[in-house]
Each structure stands twice: as structure tokens, then as C-alpha cells.
Amino acid sequence: MNWLKFSGYQLILFIIILFLNYFADSYMGSPFTLDDLLVICISIPLVLLIASIIGNLYKNFKTRLRVKLLLSTSAFVLAVIILVSIENIWYEIFGKWLFN
């Protein structure tokens, strides 16, 4: 597996995790209700699935850990930049925020 493929997979998985965190956070509140429990029951298996995929990527990518961490960190930063850019473009086109 080359560096570009590894970084691309990491980027996609980090974007999914950030979207999941954003949408799950809107249902979580200070009094613990049945909605909170439902969100937890839905999001924990998804996060565990993504974490296992990331673990498999780390096993299949044969290089030093320092390079893996550097590529993962840069993929996370790039995922945040991409989501912020999408948000800004959406605001410029439609005049309202995509993520409230």
C-alpha cells in the first residue's frame, strides 16, 4: 500500500467520524433520555467499525509508526480543512450555514 492510498483512506474515515460526531452531538443533552441512549447505541458500533478499519490499515501499511502517525495527522487536518471549505462554499452559494 502506498502513502497516497493510505492517506486517502484515512481522510475518508476521518471525514466520516467528524460527520458522525457532528450529527450525534445534536441529539445529546444534559438530562440523559432515551434519545441519548439511542444515539449512543447507534454511534458506538459505527465508531468501533471505523476504528477496526483504521487498525487494519495500520497493519497493512508496512512502514515506521512515525510515518503512519504523520500521515494520519495530516489526513485529519486535511479533513477539517475540507469540511470547513465545504461549509464556506455552501454559505456563499445559499446564504445559510450547512452545519448549525
C-alpha atoms as a PDB file:
ATOM      1  CA  MET A   1       0.000   0.000   0.000  1.00  0.00           C
ATOM      2  CA  ASN A   2       1.440   3.341  -0.968  1.00  0.00           C
ATOM      3  CA  TRP A   3       1.338   6.567   1.007  1.00  0.00           C
ATOM      4  CA  LEU A   4      -1.313   8.236  -1.140  1.00  0.00           C
ATOM      5  CA  LYS A   5      -3.744   5.328  -0.832  1.00  0.00           C
ATOM      6  CA  PHE A   6      -3.203   5.144   2.945  1.00  0.00           C
ATOM      7  CA  SER A   7      -3.748   8.900   3.320  1.00  0.00           C
ATOM      8  CA  GLY A   8      -6.867   8.779   1.136  1.00  0.00           C
ATOM      9  CA  TYR A   9      -8.426   6.033   3.242  1.00  0.00           C
ATOM     10  CA  GLN A  10      -7.542   7.909   6.423  1.00  0.00           C
ATOM     11  CA  LEU A  11      -9.051  11.107   5.015  1.00  0.00           C
ATOM     12  CA  ILE A  12     -12.345   9.412   4.133  1.00  0.00           C
ATOM     13  CA  LEU A  13     -12.582   7.696   7.513  1.00  0.00           C
ATOM     14  CA  PHE A  14     -11.824  10.916   9.418  1.00  0.00           C
ATOM     15  CA  ILE A  15     -14.490  12.786   7.452  1.00  0.00           C
ATOM     16  CA  ILE A  16     -16.997  10.061   8.348  1.00  0.00           C
ATOM     17  CA  ILE A  17     -16.029  10.270  12.026  1.00  0.00           C
ATOM     18  CA  LEU A  18     -16.358  14.079  12.054  1.00  0.00           C
ATOM     19  CA  PHE A  19     -19.794  13.902  10.384  1.00  0.00           C
ATOM     20  CA  LEU A  20     -20.913  11.238  12.847  1.00  0.00           C
ATOM     21  CA  ASN A  21     -19.707  13.328  15.775  1.00  0.00           C
ATOM     22  CA  TYR A  22     -21.481  16.426  14.490  1.00  0.00           C
ATOM     23  CA  PHE A  23     -24.837  14.771  13.900  1.00  0.00           C
ATOM     24  CA  ALA A  24     -24.749  12.643  17.059  1.00  0.00           C
ATOM     25  CA  ASP A  25     -23.830  15.651  19.202  1.00  0.00           C
ATOM     26  CA  SER A  26     -27.046  17.478  18.316  1.00  0.00           C
ATOM     27  CA  TYR A  27     -29.106  14.719  19.965  1.00  0.00           C
ATOM     28  CA  MET A  28     -27.069  14.558  23.170  1.00  0.00           C
ATOM     29  CA  GLY A  29     -28.315  16.708  26.037  1.00  0.00           C
ATOM     30  CA  SER A  30     -27.693  17.285  29.699  1.00  0.00           C
ATOM     31  CA  PRO A  31     -30.642  15.253  31.037  1.00  0.00           C
ATOM     32  CA  PHE A  32     -29.990  11.672  29.974  1.00  0.00           C
ATOM     33  CA  THR A  33     -33.007  10.484  27.995  1.00  0.00           C
ATOM     34  CA  LEU A  34     -33.950   7.615  25.725  1.00  0.00           C
ATOM     35  CA  ASP A  35     -32.757   9.673  22.724  1.00  0.00           C
ATOM     36  CA  ASP A  36     -29.271   9.842  24.218  1.00  0.00           C
ATOM     37  CA  LEU A  37     -29.236   6.089  24.732  1.00  0.00           C
ATOM     38  CA  LEU A  38     -30.380   5.514  21.153  1.00  0.00           C
ATOM     39  CA  VAL A  39     -27.663   7.797  19.760  1.00  0.00           C
ATOM     40  CA  ILE A  40     -25.052   6.006  21.845  1.00  0.00           C
ATOM     41  CA  CYS A  41     -26.288   2.590  20.675  1.00  0.00           C
ATOM     42  CA  ILE A  42     -26.089   3.697  17.054  1.00  0.00           C
ATOM     43  CA  SER A  43     -22.806   5.608  17.129  1.00  0.00           C
ATOM     44  CA  ILE A  44     -20.654   3.227  19.214  1.00  0.00           C
ATOM     45  CA  PRO A  45     -20.831   0.327  16.711  1.00  0.00           C
ATOM     46  CA  LEU A  46     -20.080   2.728  13.854  1.00  0.00           C
ATOM     47  CA  VAL A  47     -17.066   4.186  15.648  1.00  0.00           C
ATOM     48  CA  LEU A  48     -15.811   0.694  16.530  1.00  0.00           C
ATOM     49  CA  LEU A  49     -16.201  -0.388  12.907  1.00  0.00           C
ATOM     50  CA  ILE A  50     -14.243   2.619  11.677  1.00  0.00           C
ATOM     51  CA  ALA A  51     -11.581   2.065  14.358  1.00  0.00           C
ATOM     52  CA  SER A  52     -11.161  -1.551  13.262  1.00  0.00           C
ATOM     53  CA  ILE A  53     -10.812  -0.444   9.633  1.00  0.00           C
ATOM     54  CA  ILE A  54      -8.159   2.078  10.671  1.00  0.00           C
ATOM     55  CA  GLY A  55      -6.384  -0.677  12.648  1.00  0.00           C
ATOM     56  CA  ASN A  56      -6.371  -2.895   9.569  1.00  0.00           C
ATOM     57  CA  LEU A  57      -4.944  -0.028   7.523  1.00  0.00           C
ATOM     58  CA  TYR A  58      -2.131   0.354  10.044  1.00  0.00           C
ATOM     59  CA  LYS A  59      -1.336  -3.376   9.858  1.00  0.00           C
ATOM     60  CA  ASN A  60      -1.287  -3.473   6.047  1.00  0.00           C
ATOM     61  CA  PHE A  61       0.814  -0.330   5.608  1.00  0.00           C
ATOM     62  CA  LYS A  62       4.386  -1.508   6.009  1.00  0.00           C
ATOM     63  CA  THR A  63       6.377   1.451   7.244  1.00  0.00           C
ATOM     64  CA  ARG A  64       7.506   3.008  10.502  1.00  0.00           C
ATOM     65  CA  LEU A  65       4.960   4.142  13.072  1.00  0.00           C
ATOM     66  CA  ARG A  66       6.218   7.722  12.878  1.00  0.00           C
ATOM     67  CA  VAL A  67       5.305   7.905   9.183  1.00  0.00           C
ATOM     68  CA  LYS A  68       1.876   6.378   9.855  1.00  0.00           C
ATOM     69  CA  LEU A  69       1.146   8.913  12.603  1.00  0.00           C
ATOM     70  CA  LEU A  70       2.357  11.794  10.446  1.00  0.00           C
ATOM     71  CA  LEU A  71       0.142  10.707   7.538  1.00  0.00           C
ATOM     72  CA  SER A  72      -2.857  10.186   9.848  1.00  0.00           C
ATOM     73  CA  THR A  73      -2.414  13.587  11.468  1.00  0.00           C
ATOM     74  CA  SER A  74      -2.120  15.305   8.115  1.00  0.00           C
ATOM     75  CA  ALA A  75      -5.226  13.426   6.877  1.00  0.00           C
ATOM     76  CA  PHE A  76      -7.174  14.624   9.937  1.00  0.00           C
ATOM     77  CA  VAL A  77      -6.112  18.239   9.400  1.00  0.00           C
ATOM     78  CA  LEU A  78      -6.989  17.957   5.710  1.00  0.00           C
ATOM     79  CA  ALA A  79     -10.416  16.505   6.614  1.00  0.00           C
ATOM     80  CA  VAL A  80     -11.128  19.503   8.851  1.00  0.00           C
ATOM     81  CA  ILE A  81      -9.981  21.902   6.115  1.00  0.00           C
ATOM     82  CA  ILE A  82     -12.200  20.157   3.542  1.00  0.00           C
ATOM     83  CA  LEU A  83     -15.266  20.305   5.797  1.00  0.00           C
ATOM     84  CA  VAL A  84     -14.672  23.984   6.598  1.00  0.00           C
ATOM     85  CA  SER A  85     -14.248  24.737   2.896  1.00  0.00           C
ATOM     86  CA  ILE A  86     -17.499  22.941   2.072  1.00  0.00           C
ATOM     87  CA  GLU A  87     -19.216  24.949   4.803  1.00  0.00           C
ATOM     88  CA  ASN A  88     -17.884  28.247   3.451  1.00  0.00           C
ATOM     89  CA  ILE A  89     -18.789  27.425  -0.166  1.00  0.00           C
ATOM     90  CA  TRP A  90     -22.289  26.396   0.934  1.00  0.00           C
ATOM     91  CA  TYR A  91     -22.709  29.695   2.774  1.00  0.00           C
ATOM     92  CA  GLU A  92     -21.528  31.720  -0.221  1.00  0.00           C
ATOM     93  CA  ILE A  93     -23.941  29.937  -2.586  1.00  0.00           C
ATOM     94  CA  PHE A  94     -27.079  29.585  -0.466  1.00  0.00           C
ATOM     95  CA  GLY A  95     -26.621  32.259   2.220  1.00  0.00           C
ATOM     96  CA  LYS A  96     -27.156  29.909   5.184  1.00  0.00           C
ATOM     97  CA  TRP A  97     -24.886  27.630   7.149  1.00  0.00           C
ATOM     98  CA  LEU A  98     -24.771  23.961   6.327  1.00  0.00           C
ATOM     99  CA  PHE A  99     -23.785  22.970   9.886  1.00  0.00           C
ATOM    100  CA  ASN A 100     -25.652  24.907  12.566  1.00  0.00           C
END
